[in-house]
Structure formats: structure tokens, C-alpha cells
Amino acid sequence: MLFKGEQKQIIFNTVHRRKDGSLYPVEVHLELIEFGKEKVYAALVIDITESRTMEKELKERNEILSTIMESAGDAIIMIDDKGNVTFWNPAAERILGYSREEIIGKELHALMIQDEGWNCKE
């Protein structure tokens, strides 16, 4: 692919071995470049050990947070910057009566009835 000019660069993940025999994950960027009149392959090898560790920790934390949010007894609702619902936990379904399918992507404020006698400045 590179040699035929069909692709400028190939990026792939693999595992390399250190001098001490230990293995570590890498991302390889392989590119065919012209060096004078010759074509040579240049490889940039990036150690991704730290980013893999961070990804694993983030995934574990997200799983814990998801479990907490799904099993909470209180309604947990998340909205985006436009006021559209992006998360609706089972307690929100139970308390407010809307299923997740009915509410995700809809504007939260359009579904809530404001009590005209209620004044938040009091």
C-alpha cells in the first residue's frame, strides 16, 4: 500500500520488547518518504503504556459512576448546553414517569410545568 502510493501513512498498534525482555505497547506511524533519489521507510514508534493505563483507569471509573447513577434512588438527569436530556436514570423514570426512550434528546424545560405562584427570588 505504501510502496504503491495508495496510502501516505500506516498507523498501527503492536507490542515491542525492551532489552530486559519486558513487553510494552506502542503505536507505529510508518511512512514512505523520498530521501534524495531513494524511497525509504520512516517509522515513528510511540510508547503508549501511560495512555493505556489512563484509558483503563478511566474505563473503571466510568463503570463505577455508571453503576452508582443507574442504582441511585434519586432522579439523576443530565442535559447538554442546549438543554436537551443526555442522561436519564431509572429513578428519574420512576419519579417523573417518562421512560428513557421518551426523553433522551428532548428539551427538559419543555416537559416541566412551571408553577406560576412559585418565585425563586423569595
PDB file of N, CA and C in Angstrom:
ATOM      1  N   MET A   1       0.802  -1.185   0.000  1.00  0.00           N
ATOM      2  CA  MET A   1       0.000   0.000   0.000  1.00  0.00           C
ATOM      3  C   MET A   1       0.854   1.263   0.000  1.00  0.00           C
ATOM      4  N   LEU A   2       1.820   1.330   0.912  1.00  0.00           N
ATOM      5  CA  LEU A   2       2.698   2.493   0.954  1.00  0.00           C
ATOM      6  C   LEU A   2       3.560   2.558  -0.299  1.00  0.00           C
ATOM      7  N   PHE A   3       4.133   1.437  -0.663  1.00  0.00           N
ATOM      8  CA  PHE A   3       5.070   1.400  -1.774  1.00  0.00           C
ATOM      9  C   PHE A   3       4.387   1.777  -3.078  1.00  0.00           C
ATOM     10  N   LYS A   4       3.151   1.368  -3.244  1.00  0.00           N
ATOM     11  CA  LYS A   4       2.403   1.664  -4.470  1.00  0.00           C
ATOM     12  C   LYS A   4       1.835   3.082  -4.459  1.00  0.00           C
ATOM     13  N   GLY A   5       1.946   3.780  -3.353  1.00  0.00           N
ATOM     14  CA  GLY A   5       1.434   5.141  -3.270  1.00  0.00           C
ATOM     15  C   GLY A   5      -0.055   5.217  -2.990  1.00  0.00           C
ATOM     16  N   GLU A   6      -0.668   4.097  -2.647  1.00  0.00           N
ATOM     17  CA  GLU A   6      -2.105   4.077  -2.356  1.00  0.00           C
ATOM     18  C   GLU A   6      -2.416   4.755  -1.020  1.00  0.00           C
ATOM     19  N   GLN A   7      -1.434   4.798  -0.152  1.00  0.00           N
ATOM     20  CA  GLN A   7      -1.603   5.381   1.167  1.00  0.00           C
ATOM     21  C   GLN A   7      -0.338   6.132   1.523  1.00  0.00           C
ATOM     22  N   LYS A   8      -0.475   7.287   2.206  1.00  0.00           N
ATOM     23  CA  LYS A   8       0.697   8.066   2.601  1.00  0.00           C
ATOM     24  C   LYS A   8       1.333   7.541   3.877  1.00  0.00           C
ATOM     25  N   GLN A   9       0.486   7.024   4.769  1.00  0.00           N
ATOM     26  CA  GLN A   9       0.967   6.611   6.083  1.00  0.00           C
ATOM     27  C   GLN A   9       0.107   5.465   6.602  1.00  0.00           C
ATOM     28  N   ILE A  10       0.741   4.569   7.347  1.00  0.00           N
ATOM     29  CA  ILE A  10       0.023   3.489   8.013  1.00  0.00           C
ATOM     30  C   ILE A  10       0.260   3.654   9.512  1.00  0.00           C
ATOM     31  N   ILE A  11      -0.815   3.579  10.275  1.00  0.00           N
ATOM     32  CA  ILE A  11      -0.715   3.679  11.730  1.00  0.00           C
ATOM     33  C   ILE A  11      -1.289   2.394  12.316  1.00  0.00           C
ATOM     34  N   PHE A  12      -0.514   1.751  13.192  1.00  0.00           N
ATOM     35  CA  PHE A  12      -0.997   0.522  13.819  1.00  0.00           C
ATOM     36  C   PHE A  12      -0.411   0.387  15.223  1.00  0.00           C
ATOM     37  N   ASN A  13      -1.091  -0.423  16.035  1.00  0.00           N
ATOM     38  CA  ASN A  13      -0.621  -0.715  17.392  1.00  0.00           C
ATOM     39  C   ASN A  13      -0.018  -2.109  17.422  1.00  0.00           C
ATOM     40  N   THR A  14       1.027  -2.246  18.195  1.00  0.00           N
ATOM     41  CA  THR A  14       1.673  -3.543  18.363  1.00  0.00           C
ATOM     42  C   THR A  14       2.371  -3.554  19.721  1.00  0.00           C
ATOM     43  N   VAL A  15       3.161  -4.566  19.968  1.00  0.00           N
ATOM     44  CA  VAL A  15       3.899  -4.694  21.226  1.00  0.00           C
ATOM     45  C   VAL A  15       5.381  -4.831  20.888  1.00  0.00           C
ATOM     46  N   HIS A  16       6.214  -4.098  21.606  1.00  0.00           N
ATOM     47  CA  HIS A  16       7.669  -4.198  21.441  1.00  0.00           C
ATOM     48  C   HIS A  16       8.269  -4.794  22.712  1.00  0.00           C
ATOM     49  N   ARG A  17       9.515  -5.256  22.573  1.00  0.00           N
ATOM     50  CA  ARG A  17      10.223  -5.865  23.700  1.00  0.00           C
ATOM     51  C   ARG A  17      11.435  -5.004  24.049  1.00  0.00           C
ATOM     52  N   ARG A  18      11.574  -4.697  25.334  1.00  0.00           N
ATOM     53  CA  ARG A  18      12.735  -3.946  25.811  1.00  0.00           C
ATOM     54  C   ARG A  18      13.946  -4.872  25.927  1.00  0.00           C
ATOM     55  N   LYS A  19      15.081  -4.303  26.135  1.00  0.00           N
ATOM     56  CA  LYS A  19      16.321  -5.070  26.287  1.00  0.00           C
ATOM     57  C   LYS A  19      16.216  -6.073  27.432  1.00  0.00           C
ATOM     58  N   ASP A  20      15.486  -5.673  28.514  1.00  0.00           N
ATOM     59  CA  ASP A  20      15.350  -6.566  29.668  1.00  0.00           C
ATOM     60  C   ASP A  20      14.313  -7.675  29.436  1.00  0.00           C
ATOM     61  N   GLY A  21      13.660  -7.681  28.276  1.00  0.00           N
ATOM     62  CA  GLY A  21      12.696  -8.721  27.942  1.00  0.00           C
ATOM     63  C   GLY A  21      11.248  -8.336  28.197  1.00  0.00           C
ATOM     64  N   SER A  22      11.021  -7.223  28.895  1.00  0.00           N
ATOM     65  CA  SER A  22       9.640  -6.816  29.182  1.00  0.00           C
ATOM     66  C   SER A  22       8.980  -6.273  27.914  1.00  0.00           C
ATOM     67  N   LEU A  23       7.673  -6.457  27.850  1.00  0.00           N
ATOM     68  CA  LEU A  23       6.908  -6.005  26.696  1.00  0.00           C
ATOM     69  C   LEU A  23       6.211  -4.692  27.013  1.00  0.00           C
ATOM     70  N   TYR A  24       5.988  -3.869  25.992  1.00  0.00           N
ATOM     71  CA  TYR A  24       5.251  -2.622  26.165  1.00  0.00           C
ATOM     72  C   TYR A  24       4.505  -2.292  24.881  1.00  0.00           C
ATOM     73  N   PRO A  25       3.313  -1.678  25.021  1.00  0.00           N
ATOM     74  CA  PRO A  25       2.513  -1.359  23.838  1.00  0.00           C
ATOM     75  C   PRO A  25       3.042  -0.104  23.130  1.00  0.00           C
ATOM     76  N   VAL A  26       2.985  -0.133  21.804  1.00  0.00           N
ATOM     77  CA  VAL A  26       3.426   1.018  21.014  1.00  0.00           C
ATOM     78  C   VAL A  26       2.432   1.297  19.897  1.00  0.00           C
ATOM     79  N   GLU A  27       2.448   2.542  19.452  1.00  0.00           N
ATOM     80  CA  GLU A  27       1.731   2.941  18.250  1.00  0.00           C
ATOM     81  C   GLU A  27       2.798   3.274  17.214  1.00  0.00           C
ATOM     82  N   VAL A  28       2.696   2.683  16.044  1.00  0.00           N
ATOM     83  CA  VAL A  28       3.701   2.871  14.999  1.00  0.00           C
ATOM     84  C   VAL A  28       3.088   3.669  13.851  1.00  0.00           C
ATOM     85  N   HIS A  29       3.787   4.720  13.443  1.00  0.00           N
ATOM     86  CA  HIS A  29       3.410   5.526  12.279  1.00  0.00           C
ATOM     87  C   HIS A  29       4.479   5.231  11.218  1.00  0.00           C
ATOM     88  N   LEU A  30       4.101   4.526  10.172  1.00  0.00           N
ATOM     89  CA  LEU A  30       5.029   4.129   9.117  1.00  0.00           C
ATOM     90  C   LEU A  30       4.717   4.923   7.862  1.00  0.00           C
ATOM     91  N   GLU A  31       5.756   5.535   7.282  1.00  0.00           N
ATOM     92  CA  GLU A  31       5.557   6.394   6.119  1.00  0.00           C
ATOM     93  C   GLU A  31       6.679   6.156   5.110  1.00  0.00           C
ATOM     94  N   LEU A  32       6.333   6.164   3.839  1.00  0.00           N
ATOM     95  CA  LEU A  32       7.322   6.052   2.764  1.00  0.00           C
ATOM     96  C   LEU A  32       7.672   7.464   2.325  1.00  0.00           C
ATOM     97  N   ILE A  33       8.959   7.822   2.453  1.00  0.00           N
ATOM     98  CA  ILE A  33       9.375   9.172   2.073  1.00  0.00           C
ATOM     99  C   ILE A  33      10.517   9.080   1.068  1.00  0.00           C
ATOM    100  N   GLU A  34      10.693  10.150   0.304  1.00  0.00           N
ATOM    101  CA  GLU A  34      11.799  10.208  -0.649  1.00  0.00           C
ATOM    102  C   GLU A  34      12.973  10.880   0.029  1.00  0.00           C
ATOM    103  N   PHE A  35      14.094  10.209  -0.008  1.00  0.00           N
ATOM    104  CA  PHE A  35      15.324  10.704   0.596  1.00  0.00           C
ATOM    105  C   PHE A  35      16.342  10.788  -0.530  1.00  0.00           C
ATOM    106  N   GLY A  36      16.493  11.983  -1.072  1.00  0.00           N
ATOM    107  CA  GLY A  36      17.311  12.113  -2.272  1.00  0.00           C
ATOM    108  C   GLY A  36      16.579  11.444  -3.416  1.00  0.00           C
ATOM    109  N   LYS A  37      17.253  10.507  -4.080  1.00  0.00           N
ATOM    110  CA  LYS A  37      16.624   9.773  -5.182  1.00  0.00           C
ATOM    111  C   LYS A  37      16.046   8.444  -4.724  1.00  0.00           C
ATOM    112  N   GLU A  38      16.221   8.147  -3.453  1.00  0.00           N
ATOM    113  CA  GLU A  38      15.739   6.867  -2.930  1.00  0.00           C
ATOM    114  C   GLU A  38      14.448   7.046  -2.142  1.00  0.00           C
ATOM    115  N   LYS A  39      13.677   5.969  -2.103  1.00  0.00           N
ATOM    116  CA  LYS A  39      12.494   5.930  -1.254  1.00  0.00           C
ATOM    117  C   LYS A  39      12.855   5.089  -0.034  1.00  0.00           C
ATOM    118  N   VAL A  40      12.593   5.659   1.137  1.00  0.00           N
ATOM    119  CA  VAL A  40      12.898   4.947   2.378  1.00  0.00           C
ATOM    120  C   VAL A  40      11.662   4.974   3.281  1.00  0.00           C
ATOM    121  N   TYR A  41      11.604   3.985   4.157  1.00  0.00           N
ATOM    122  CA  TYR A  41      10.516   3.929   5.122  1.00  0.00           C
ATOM    123  C   TYR A  41      10.973   4.595   6.412  1.00  0.00           C
ATOM    124  N   ALA A  42      10.130   5.481   6.938  1.00  0.00           N
ATOM    125  CA  ALA A  42      10.407   6.128   8.216  1.00  0.00           C
ATOM    126  C   ALA A  42       9.328   5.668   9.199  1.00  0.00           C
ATOM    127  N   ALA A  43       9.760   5.294  10.379  1.00  0.00           N
ATOM    128  CA  ALA A  43       8.816   4.833  11.396  1.00  0.00           C
ATOM    129  C   ALA A  43       8.966   5.680  12.648  1.00  0.00           C
ATOM    130  N   LEU A  44       7.833   6.147  13.151  1.00  0.00           N
ATOM    131  CA  LEU A  44       7.777   6.835  14.434  1.00  0.00           C
ATOM    132  C   LEU A  44       7.099   5.859  15.384  1.00  0.00           C
ATOM    133  N   VAL A  45       7.810   5.455  16.441  1.00  0.00           N
ATOM    134  CA  VAL A  45       7.284   4.477  17.392  1.00  0.00           C
ATOM    135  C   VAL A  45       7.040   5.197  18.717  1.00  0.00           C
ATOM    136  N   ILE A  46       5.775   5.161  19.166  1.00  0.00           N
ATOM    137  CA  ILE A  46       5.379   5.889  20.370  1.00  0.00           C
ATOM    138  C   ILE A  46       4.984   4.887  21.456  1.00  0.00           C
ATOM    139  N   ASP A  47       5.636   4.999  22.610  1.00  0.00           N
ATOM    140  CA  ASP A  47       5.292   4.158  23.758  1.00  0.00           C
ATOM    141  C   ASP A  47       3.958   4.646  24.304  1.00  0.00           C
ATOM    142  N   ILE A  48       2.936   3.777  24.283  1.00  0.00           N
ATOM    143  CA  ILE A  48       1.599   4.176  24.734  1.00  0.00           C
ATOM    144  C   ILE A  48       1.214   3.514  26.068  1.00  0.00           C
ATOM    145  N   THR A  49       2.208   3.085  26.827  1.00  0.00           N
ATOM    146  CA  THR A  49       1.955   2.457  28.124  1.00  0.00           C
ATOM    147  C   THR A  49       1.133   3.359  29.029  1.00  0.00           C
ATOM    148  N   GLU A  50       1.539   4.616  29.162  1.00  0.00           N
ATOM    149  CA  GLU A  50       0.864   5.543  30.065  1.00  0.00           C
ATOM    150  C   GLU A  50      -0.568   5.821  29.600  1.00  0.00           C
ATOM    151  N   SER A  51      -0.762   6.033  28.303  1.00  0.00           N
ATOM    152  CA  SER A  51      -2.120   6.322  27.828  1.00  0.00           C
ATOM    153  C   SER A  51      -3.022   5.104  27.977  1.00  0.00           C
ATOM    154  N   ARG A  52      -2.483   3.893  27.790  1.00  0.00           N
ATOM    155  CA  ARG A  52      -3.283   2.677  28.005  1.00  0.00           C
ATOM    156  C   ARG A  52      -3.695   2.548  29.469  1.00  0.00           C
ATOM    157  N   THR A  53      -2.760   2.858  30.383  1.00  0.00           N
ATOM    158  CA  THR A  53      -3.052   2.803  31.816  1.00  0.00           C
ATOM    159  C   THR A  53      -4.140   3.810  32.164  1.00  0.00           C
ATOM    160  N   MET A  54      -4.034   5.016  31.623  1.00  0.00           N
ATOM    161  CA  MET A  54      -5.036   6.053  31.885  1.00  0.00           C
ATOM    162  C   MET A  54      -6.394   5.653  31.308  1.00  0.00           C
ATOM    163  N   GLU A  55      -6.415   5.072  30.110  1.00  0.00           N
ATOM    164  CA  GLU A  55      -7.666   4.608  29.499  1.00  0.00           C
ATOM    165  C   GLU A  55      -8.337   3.545  30.365  1.00  0.00           C
ATOM    166  N   LYS A  56      -7.527   2.624  30.900  1.00  0.00           N
ATOM    167  CA  LYS A  56      -8.058   1.557  31.750  1.00  0.00           C
ATOM    168  C   LYS A  56      -8.662   2.139  33.030  1.00  0.00           C
ATOM    169  N   GLU A  57      -7.943   3.075  33.664  1.00  0.00           N
ATOM    170  CA  GLU A  57      -8.438   3.710  34.891  1.00  0.00           C
ATOM    171  C   GLU A  57      -9.716   4.481  34.618  1.00  0.00           C
ATOM    172  N   LEU A  58      -9.769   5.205  33.504  1.00  0.00           N
ATOM    173  CA  LEU A  58     -10.952   5.975  33.146  1.00  0.00           C
ATOM    174  C   LEU A  58     -12.144   5.060  32.894  1.00  0.00           C
ATOM    175  N   LYS A  59     -11.908   3.953  32.235  1.00  0.00           N
ATOM    176  CA  LYS A  59     -12.981   2.988  31.973  1.00  0.00           C
ATOM    177  C   LYS A  59     -13.523   2.432  33.292  1.00  0.00           C
ATOM    178  N   GLU A  60     -12.632   2.076  34.217  1.00  0.00           N
ATOM    179  CA  GLU A  60     -13.055   1.548  35.515  1.00  0.00           C
ATOM    180  C   GLU A  60     -13.863   2.583  36.294  1.00  0.00           C
ATOM    181  N   ARG A  61     -13.425   3.836  36.280  1.00  0.00           N
ATOM    182  CA  ARG A  61     -14.144   4.901  36.989  1.00  0.00           C
ATOM    183  C   ARG A  61     -15.511   5.141  36.356  1.00  0.00           C
ATOM    184  N   ASN A  62     -15.568   5.112  35.025  1.00  0.00           N
ATOM    185  CA  ASN A  62     -16.845   5.305  34.339  1.00  0.00           C
ATOM    186  C   ASN A  62     -17.821   4.180  34.663  1.00  0.00           C
ATOM    187  N   GLU A  63     -17.304   2.951  34.789  1.00  0.00           N
ATOM    188  CA  GLU A  63     -18.164   1.823  35.153  1.00  0.00           C
ATOM    189  C   GLU A  63     -18.722   1.990  36.560  1.00  0.00           C
ATOM    190  N   ILE A  64     -17.891   2.451  37.491  1.00  0.00           N
ATOM    191  CA  ILE A  64     -18.340   2.691  38.864  1.00  0.00           C
ATOM    192  C   ILE A  64     -19.384   3.801  38.880  1.00  0.00           C
ATOM    193  N   LEU A  65     -19.099   4.906  38.190  1.00  0.00           N
ATOM    194  CA  LEU A  65     -20.034   6.026  38.139  1.00  0.00           C
ATOM    195  C   LEU A  65     -21.357   5.598  37.508  1.00  0.00           C
ATOM    196  N   SER A  66     -21.285   4.824  36.448  1.00  0.00           N
ATOM    197  CA  SER A  66     -22.492   4.339  35.770  1.00  0.00           C
ATOM    198  C   SER A  66     -23.331   3.483  36.708  1.00  0.00           C
ATOM    199  N   THR A  67     -22.684   2.604  37.467  1.00  0.00           N
ATOM    200  CA  THR A  67     -23.392   1.746  38.419  1.00  0.00           C
ATOM    201  C   THR A  67     -24.086   2.590  39.487  1.00  0.00           C
ATOM    202  N   ILE A  68     -23.390   3.584  39.995  1.00  0.00           N
ATOM    203  CA  ILE A  68     -23.970   4.468  41.020  1.00  0.00           C
ATOM    204  C   ILE A  68     -25.171   5.215  40.455  1.00  0.00           C
ATOM    205  N   MET A  69     -25.013   5.770  39.261  1.00  0.00           N
ATOM    206  CA  MET A  69     -26.082   6.566  38.669  1.00  0.00           C
ATOM    207  C   MET A  69     -27.298   5.717  38.310  1.00  0.00           C
ATOM    208  N   GLU A  70     -27.065   4.504  37.876  1.00  0.00           N
ATOM    209  CA  GLU A  70     -28.171   3.624  37.493  1.00  0.00           C
ATOM    210  C   GLU A  70     -28.923   3.095  38.714  1.00  0.00           C
ATOM    211  N   SER A  71     -28.230   2.928  39.832  1.00  0.00           N
ATOM    212  CA  SER A  71     -28.878   2.343  41.014  1.00  0.00           C
ATOM    213  C   SER A  71     -29.289   3.375  42.063  1.00  0.00           C
ATOM    214  N   ALA A  72     -29.030   4.647  41.819  1.00  0.00           N
ATOM    215  CA  ALA A  72     -29.392   5.692  42.779  1.00  0.00           C
ATOM    216  C   ALA A  72     -30.899   5.770  42.956  1.00  0.00           C
ATOM    217  N   GLY A  73     -31.332   6.074  44.162  1.00  0.00           N
ATOM    218  CA  GLY A  73     -32.758   6.222  44.441  1.00  0.00           C
ATOM    219  C   GLY A  73     -33.310   7.570  44.012  1.00  0.00           C
ATOM    220  N   ASP A  74     -32.432   8.524  43.782  1.00  0.00           N
ATOM    221  CA  ASP A  74     -32.840   9.861  43.358  1.00  0.00           C
ATOM    222  C   ASP A  74     -32.730   9.990  41.845  1.00  0.00           C
ATOM    223  N   ALA A  75     -33.570  10.857  41.291  1.00  0.00           N
ATOM    224  CA  ALA A  75     -33.526  11.118  39.853  1.00  0.00           C
ATOM    225  C   ALA A  75     -32.217  11.822  39.506  1.00  0.00           C
ATOM    226  N   ILE A  76     -31.511  11.290  38.537  1.00  0.00           N
ATOM    227  CA  ILE A  76     -30.298  11.934  38.034  1.00  0.00           C
ATOM    228  C   ILE A  76     -30.530  12.185  36.558  1.00  0.00           C
ATOM    229  N   ILE A  77     -30.471  13.463  36.195  1.00  0.00           N
ATOM    230  CA  ILE A  77     -30.743  13.890  34.828  1.00  0.00           C
ATOM    231  C   ILE A  77     -29.567  14.744  34.374  1.00  0.00           C
ATOM    232  N   MET A  78     -29.089  14.494  33.173  1.00  0.00           N
ATOM    233  CA  MET A  78     -28.027  15.329  32.610  1.00  0.00           C
ATOM    234  C   MET A  78     -28.548  15.952  31.328  1.00  0.00           C
ATOM    235  N   ILE A  79     -28.180  17.226  31.142  1.00  0.00           N
ATOM    236  CA  ILE A  79     -28.564  17.912  29.913  1.00  0.00           C
ATOM    237  C   ILE A  79     -27.327  18.518  29.260  1.00  0.00           C
ATOM    238  N   ASP A  80     -27.408  18.729  27.941  1.00  0.00           N
ATOM    239  CA  ASP A  80     -26.294  19.362  27.241  1.00  0.00           C
ATOM    240  C   ASP A  80     -26.464  20.882  27.303  1.00  0.00           C
ATOM    241  N   ASP A  81     -25.594  21.606  26.621  1.00  0.00           N
ATOM    242  CA  ASP A  81     -25.626  23.070  26.671  1.00  0.00           C
ATOM    243  C   ASP A  81     -26.868  23.674  26.017  1.00  0.00           C
ATOM    244  N   LYS A  82     -27.647  22.875  25.296  1.00  0.00           N
ATOM    245  CA  LYS A  82     -28.886  23.357  24.682  1.00  0.00           C
ATOM    246  C   LYS A  82     -30.116  22.987  25.509  1.00  0.00           C
ATOM    247  N   GLY A  83     -29.897  22.299  26.628  1.00  0.00           N
ATOM    248  CA  GLY A  83     -31.000  21.915  27.485  1.00  0.00           C
ATOM    249  C   GLY A  83     -31.636  20.588  27.123  1.00  0.00           C
ATOM    250  N   ASN A  84     -31.017  19.849  26.181  1.00  0.00           N
ATOM    251  CA  ASN A  84     -31.538  18.542  25.785  1.00  0.00           C
ATOM    252  C   ASN A  84     -31.011  17.455  26.715  1.00  0.00           C
ATOM    253  N   VAL A  85     -31.892  16.533  27.060  1.00  0.00           N
ATOM    254  CA  VAL A  85     -31.540  15.472  28.001  1.00  0.00           C
ATOM    255  C   VAL A  85     -30.566  14.491  27.355  1.00  0.00           C
ATOM    256  N   THR A  86     -29.448  14.234  28.063  1.00  0.00           N
ATOM    257  CA  THR A  86     -28.452  13.280  27.588  1.00  0.00           C
ATOM    258  C   THR A  86     -28.363  12.047  28.480  1.00  0.00           C
ATOM    259  N   PHE A  87     -28.879  12.162  29.705  1.00  0.00           N
ATOM    260  CA  PHE A  87     -28.882  11.016  30.624  1.00  0.00           C
ATOM    261  C   PHE A  87     -30.131  11.089  31.476  1.00  0.00           C
ATOM    262  N   TRP A  88     -30.739   9.922  31.709  1.00  0.00           N
ATOM    263  CA  TRP A  88     -31.992   9.813  32.470  1.00  0.00           C
ATOM    264  C   TRP A  88     -31.939   8.475  33.184  1.00  0.00           C
ATOM    265  N   ASN A  89     -31.724   8.476  34.491  1.00  0.00           N
ATOM    266  CA  ASN A  89     -31.564   7.207  35.205  1.00  0.00           C
ATOM    267  C   ASN A  89     -32.918   6.563  35.528  1.00  0.00           C
ATOM    268  N   PRO A  90     -32.913   5.289  35.947  1.00  0.00           N
ATOM    269  CA  PRO A  90     -34.166   4.596  36.271  1.00  0.00           C
ATOM    270  C   PRO A  90     -35.005   5.314  37.334  1.00  0.00           C
ATOM    271  N   ALA A  91     -34.361   5.955  38.300  1.00  0.00           N
ATOM    272  CA  ALA A  91     -35.121   6.675  39.325  1.00  0.00           C
ATOM    273  C   ALA A  91     -35.868   7.858  38.708  1.00  0.00           C
ATOM    274  N   ALA A  92     -35.281   8.508  37.721  1.00  0.00           N
ATOM    275  CA  ALA A  92     -35.971   9.604  37.023  1.00  0.00           C
ATOM    276  C   ALA A  92     -37.202   9.060  36.302  1.00  0.00           C
ATOM    277  N   GLU A  93     -37.073   7.874  35.719  1.00  0.00           N
ATOM    278  CA  GLU A  93     -38.229   7.228  35.070  1.00  0.00           C
ATOM    279  C   GLU A  93     -39.334   6.997  36.096  1.00  0.00           C
ATOM    280  N   ARG A  94     -38.964   6.441  37.234  1.00  0.00           N
ATOM    281  CA  ARG A  94     -39.935   6.098  38.278  1.00  0.00           C
ATOM    282  C   ARG A  94     -40.589   7.357  38.856  1.00  0.00           C
ATOM    283  N   ILE A  95     -39.806   8.378  39.149  1.00  0.00           N
ATOM    284  CA  ILE A  95     -40.309   9.587  39.801  1.00  0.00           C
ATOM    285  C   ILE A  95     -41.100  10.478  38.836  1.00  0.00           C
ATOM    286  N   LEU A  96     -40.581  10.667  37.629  1.00  0.00           N
ATOM    287  CA  LEU A  96     -41.195  11.612  36.694  1.00  0.00           C
ATOM    288  C   LEU A  96     -42.116  10.959  35.670  1.00  0.00           C
ATOM    289  N   GLY A  97     -42.010   9.639  35.534  1.00  0.00           N
ATOM    290  CA  GLY A  97     -42.939   8.925  34.670  1.00  0.00           C
ATOM    291  C   GLY A  97     -42.549   8.797  33.213  1.00  0.00           C
ATOM    292  N   TYR A  98     -41.526   9.493  32.772  1.00  0.00           N
ATOM    293  CA  TYR A  98     -41.072   9.384  31.383  1.00  0.00           C
ATOM    294  C   TYR A  98     -40.028   8.283  31.270  1.00  0.00           C
ATOM    295  N   SER A  99     -40.142   7.457  30.233  1.00  0.00           N
ATOM    296  CA  SER A  99     -39.108   6.445  30.016  1.00  0.00           C
ATOM    297  C   SER A  99     -37.881   7.115  29.391  1.00  0.00           C
ATOM    298  N   ARG A 100     -36.770   6.453  29.498  1.00  0.00           N
ATOM    299  CA  ARG A 100     -35.527   6.951  28.913  1.00  0.00           C
ATOM    300  C   ARG A 100     -35.706   7.202  27.415  1.00  0.00           C
ATOM    301  N   GLU A 101     -36.372   6.275  26.731  1.00  0.00           N
ATOM    302  CA  GLU A 101     -36.579   6.390  25.284  1.00  0.00           C
ATOM    303  C   GLU A 101     -37.412   7.615  24.928  1.00  0.00           C
ATOM    304  N   GLU A 102     -38.366   7.970  25.786  1.00  0.00           N
ATOM    305  CA  GLU A 102     -39.229   9.120  25.543  1.00  0.00           C
ATOM    306  C   GLU A 102     -38.498  10.447  25.723  1.00  0.00           C
ATOM    307  N   ILE A 103     -37.496  10.468  26.564  1.00  0.00           N
ATOM    308  CA  ILE A 103     -36.919  11.746  26.995  1.00  0.00           C
ATOM    309  C   ILE A 103     -35.548  12.074  26.411  1.00  0.00           C
ATOM    310  N   ILE A 104     -34.710  11.077  26.150  1.00  0.00           N
ATOM    311  CA  ILE A 104     -33.347  11.346  25.658  1.00  0.00           C
ATOM    312  C   ILE A 104     -33.419  12.152  24.356  1.00  0.00           C
ATOM    313  N   GLY A 105     -32.670  13.256  24.328  1.00  0.00           N
ATOM    314  CA  GLY A 105     -32.624  14.115  23.149  1.00  0.00           C
ATOM    315  C   GLY A 105     -33.676  15.215  23.139  1.00  0.00           C
ATOM    316  N   LYS A 106     -34.623  15.164  24.074  1.00  0.00           N
ATOM    317  CA  LYS A 106     -35.684  16.178  24.139  1.00  0.00           C
ATOM    318  C   LYS A 106     -35.245  17.302  25.088  1.00  0.00           C
ATOM    319  N   GLU A 107     -35.878  18.462  24.904  1.00  0.00           N
ATOM    320  CA  GLU A 107     -35.574  19.608  25.754  1.00  0.00           C
ATOM    321  C   GLU A 107     -36.262  19.429  27.104  1.00  0.00           C
ATOM    322  N   LEU A 108     -35.501  19.403  28.168  1.00  0.00           N
ATOM    323  CA  LEU A 108     -36.029  19.151  29.504  1.00  0.00           C
ATOM    324  C   LEU A 108     -37.050  20.205  29.923  1.00  0.00           C
ATOM    325  N   HIS A 109     -36.759  21.466  29.673  1.00  0.00           N
ATOM    326  CA  HIS A 109     -37.630  22.547  30.132  1.00  0.00           C
ATOM    327  C   HIS A 109     -39.007  22.493  29.475  1.00  0.00           C
ATOM    328  N   ALA A 110     -39.116  21.975  28.283  1.00  0.00           N
ATOM    329  CA  ALA A 110     -40.407  21.877  27.600  1.00  0.00           C
ATOM    330  C   ALA A 110     -41.306  20.847  28.280  1.00  0.00           C
ATOM    331  N   LEU A 111     -40.727  19.916  29.012  1.00  0.00           N
ATOM    332  CA  LEU A 111     -41.505  18.869  29.666  1.00  0.00           C
ATOM    333  C   LEU A 111     -41.906  19.222  31.090  1.00  0.00           C
ATOM    334  N   MET A 112     -41.276  20.223  31.658  1.00  0.00           N
ATOM    335  CA  MET A 112     -41.550  20.599  33.035  1.00  0.00           C
ATOM    336  C   MET A 112     -42.560  21.738  33.076  1.00  0.00           C
ATOM    337  N   ILE A 113     -43.556  21.629  33.934  1.00  0.00           N
ATOM    338  CA  ILE A 113     -44.570  22.674  34.093  1.00  0.00           C
ATOM    339  C   ILE A 113     -44.113  23.595  35.207  1.00  0.00           C
ATOM    340  N   GLN A 114     -44.067  24.871  34.894  1.00  0.00           N
ATOM    341  CA  GLN A 114     -43.665  25.859  35.896  1.00  0.00           C
ATOM    342  C   GLN A 114     -44.892  26.264  36.713  1.00  0.00           C
ATOM    343  N   ASP A 115     -44.784  26.282  38.006  1.00  0.00           N
ATOM    344  CA  ASP A 115     -45.851  26.766  38.877  1.00  0.00           C
ATOM    345  C   ASP A 115     -45.720  28.276  38.921  1.00  0.00           C
ATOM    346  N   GLU A 116     -46.731  28.980  38.397  1.00  0.00           N
ATOM    347  CA  GLU A 116     -46.656  30.436  38.302  1.00  0.00           C
ATOM    348  C   GLU A 116     -46.599  31.107  39.653  1.00  0.00           C
ATOM    349  N   GLY A 117     -47.082  30.441  40.697  1.00  0.00           N
ATOM    350  CA  GLY A 117     -47.057  31.029  42.031  1.00  0.00           C
ATOM    351  C   GLY A 117     -45.694  30.902  42.688  1.00  0.00           C
ATOM    352  N   TRP A 118     -44.827  30.096  42.120  1.00  0.00           N
ATOM    353  CA  TRP A 118     -43.502  29.853  42.703  1.00  0.00           C
ATOM    354  C   TRP A 118     -42.536  30.916  42.205  1.00  0.00           C
ATOM    355  N   ASN A 119     -41.817  31.517  43.107  1.00  0.00           N
ATOM    356  CA  ASN A 119     -40.876  32.571  42.750  1.00  0.00           C
ATOM    357  C   ASN A 119     -39.541  32.229  43.366  1.00  0.00           C
ATOM    358  N   CYS A 120     -38.515  32.040  42.530  1.00  0.00           N
ATOM    359  CA  CYS A 120     -37.216  31.628  43.059  1.00  0.00           C
ATOM    360  C   CYS A 120     -36.454  32.759  43.714  1.00  0.00           C
ATOM    361  N   LYS A 121     -36.974  34.002  43.681  1.00  0.00           N
ATOM    362  CA  LYS A 121     -36.271  35.116  44.311  1.00  0.00           C
ATOM    363  C   LYS A 121     -36.649  35.268  45.772  1.00  0.00           C
ATOM    364  N   GLU A 122     -37.695  34.563  46.177  1.00  0.00           N
ATOM    365  CA  GLU A 122     -38.147  34.690  47.571  1.00  0.00           C
ATOM    366  C   GLU A 122     -37.201  34.018  48.519  1.00  0.00           C
TER     367      GLU A 122
END
